Amino acid sequence: MNKQGRANAFLWIRDKNNYWESELKNRQLPMELKDIQIDLKLAGIEGPAGKITVYDPWEDEWKKVKRTGQKILLPDFKHSLVIRISR
């Protein structure tokens, strides 16, 4: 999901293979997702991006993101991440 305002844009990404039924009913633990790169332009983020922060709601912590131009390398995660892009 991509939500843009005047000062910030937010992306919420999640593991589509992990949902309540897979974990609770089927007892499948979520896999750790690694080395995921996002091209901000392809994600619908137009114009220059300022500060980028990543929040892991399952771990309740802010994580570092590596950035190369318009591409970002996400930290390893399970479930989902919220990405905040300041303009």
Protein backbone atom coordinates (compact mmCIF):
# COMPACT_ATOMS: atom_id res chain seq x y z
CA MET A 1 0.00 0.00 0.00
CA ASN A 2 1.27 3.49 -0.85
CA LYS A 3 -0.07 6.59 0.91
CA GLN A 4 1.36 10.02 0.04
CA GLY A 5 0.88 13.38 1.67
CA ARG A 6 2.62 16.71 1.25
CA ALA A 7 5.43 16.03 3.74
CA ASN A 8 5.60 12.23 3.92
CA ALA A 9 4.86 9.10 1.97
CA PHE A 10 4.21 5.75 3.65
CA LEU A 11 4.62 2.25 2.29
CA TRP A 12 3.36 -0.78 4.15
CA ILE A 13 4.84 -4.05 2.96
CA ARG A 14 3.99 -7.50 4.22
CA ASP A 15 4.68 -11.15 3.63
CA LYS A 16 1.63 -12.31 1.66
CA ASN A 17 2.31 -15.91 2.74
CA ASN A 18 1.92 -15.04 6.41
CA TYR A 19 -1.57 -14.45 7.77
CA TRP A 20 -3.60 -15.51 10.80
CA GLU A 21 -4.65 -18.89 9.37
CA SER A 22 -1.16 -19.91 8.29
CA GLU A 23 0.23 -19.21 11.77
CA LEU A 24 -2.62 -20.16 14.08
CA LYS A 25 -4.45 -22.91 12.23
CA ASN A 26 -1.61 -24.43 10.19
CA ARG A 27 1.11 -23.66 12.75
CA GLN A 28 3.53 -22.34 10.15
CA LEU A 29 6.01 -19.92 11.61
CA PRO A 30 6.76 -16.86 9.45
CA MET A 31 9.95 -16.98 7.42
CA GLU A 32 12.49 -14.21 7.69
CA LEU A 33 12.54 -12.14 4.51
CA LYS A 34 16.02 -11.04 3.46
CA ASP A 35 17.68 -8.88 0.81
CA ILE A 36 14.50 -7.17 -0.37
CA GLN A 37 15.17 -4.11 -2.48
CA ILE A 38 12.55 -1.54 -3.45
CA ASP A 39 12.81 0.99 -6.25
CA LEU A 40 10.95 4.01 -4.86
CA LYS A 41 10.01 5.24 -8.33
CA LEU A 42 8.42 1.90 -9.20
CA ALA A 43 6.64 1.98 -5.82
CA GLY A 44 4.94 5.22 -6.87
CA ILE A 45 7.15 7.65 -4.94
CA GLU A 46 7.63 10.62 -7.26
CA GLY A 47 10.27 13.27 -6.78
CA PRO A 48 13.26 13.34 -4.48
CA ALA A 49 13.09 11.41 -1.23
CA GLY A 50 14.50 12.83 1.98
CA LYS A 51 14.98 10.87 5.18
CA ILE A 52 13.80 7.25 5.06
CA THR A 53 12.87 5.39 8.24
CA VAL A 54 11.59 1.84 8.64
CA TYR A 55 9.38 0.60 11.49
CA ASP A 56 8.85 -3.06 12.36
CA PRO A 57 5.48 -3.18 14.18
CA TRP A 58 5.98 -6.81 15.23
CA GLU A 59 9.28 -6.03 16.95
CA ASP A 60 8.22 -2.49 17.96
CA GLU A 61 11.49 -1.03 16.75
CA TRP A 62 12.89 1.33 14.16
CA LYS A 63 15.42 -0.27 11.83
CA LYS A 64 18.08 1.06 9.49
CA VAL A 65 17.65 1.03 5.74
CA LYS A 66 20.41 1.14 3.13
CA ARG A 67 19.84 3.56 0.29
CA THR A 68 21.36 3.89 -3.16
CA GLY A 69 19.74 6.69 -5.13
CA GLN A 70 16.07 5.81 -5.59
CA LYS A 71 16.54 2.23 -4.36
CA ILE A 72 16.44 1.04 -0.76
CA LEU A 73 17.55 -2.26 0.74
CA LEU A 74 15.22 -3.24 3.57
CA PRO A 75 16.38 -4.78 6.82
CA ASP A 76 15.55 -8.45 7.36
CA PHE A 77 12.01 -8.87 8.72
CA LYS A 78 9.08 -11.19 9.38
CA HIS A 79 5.40 -10.28 8.86
CA SER A 80 5.58 -6.62 7.72
CA LEU A 81 7.33 -3.25 7.73
CA VAL A 82 6.20 0.36 7.50
CA ILE A 83 8.43 2.70 5.48
CA ARG A 84 8.25 6.45 6.03
CA ILE A 85 9.74 8.68 3.34
CA SER A 86 10.10 12.36 4.23
CA ARG A 87 10.22 14.91 1.45
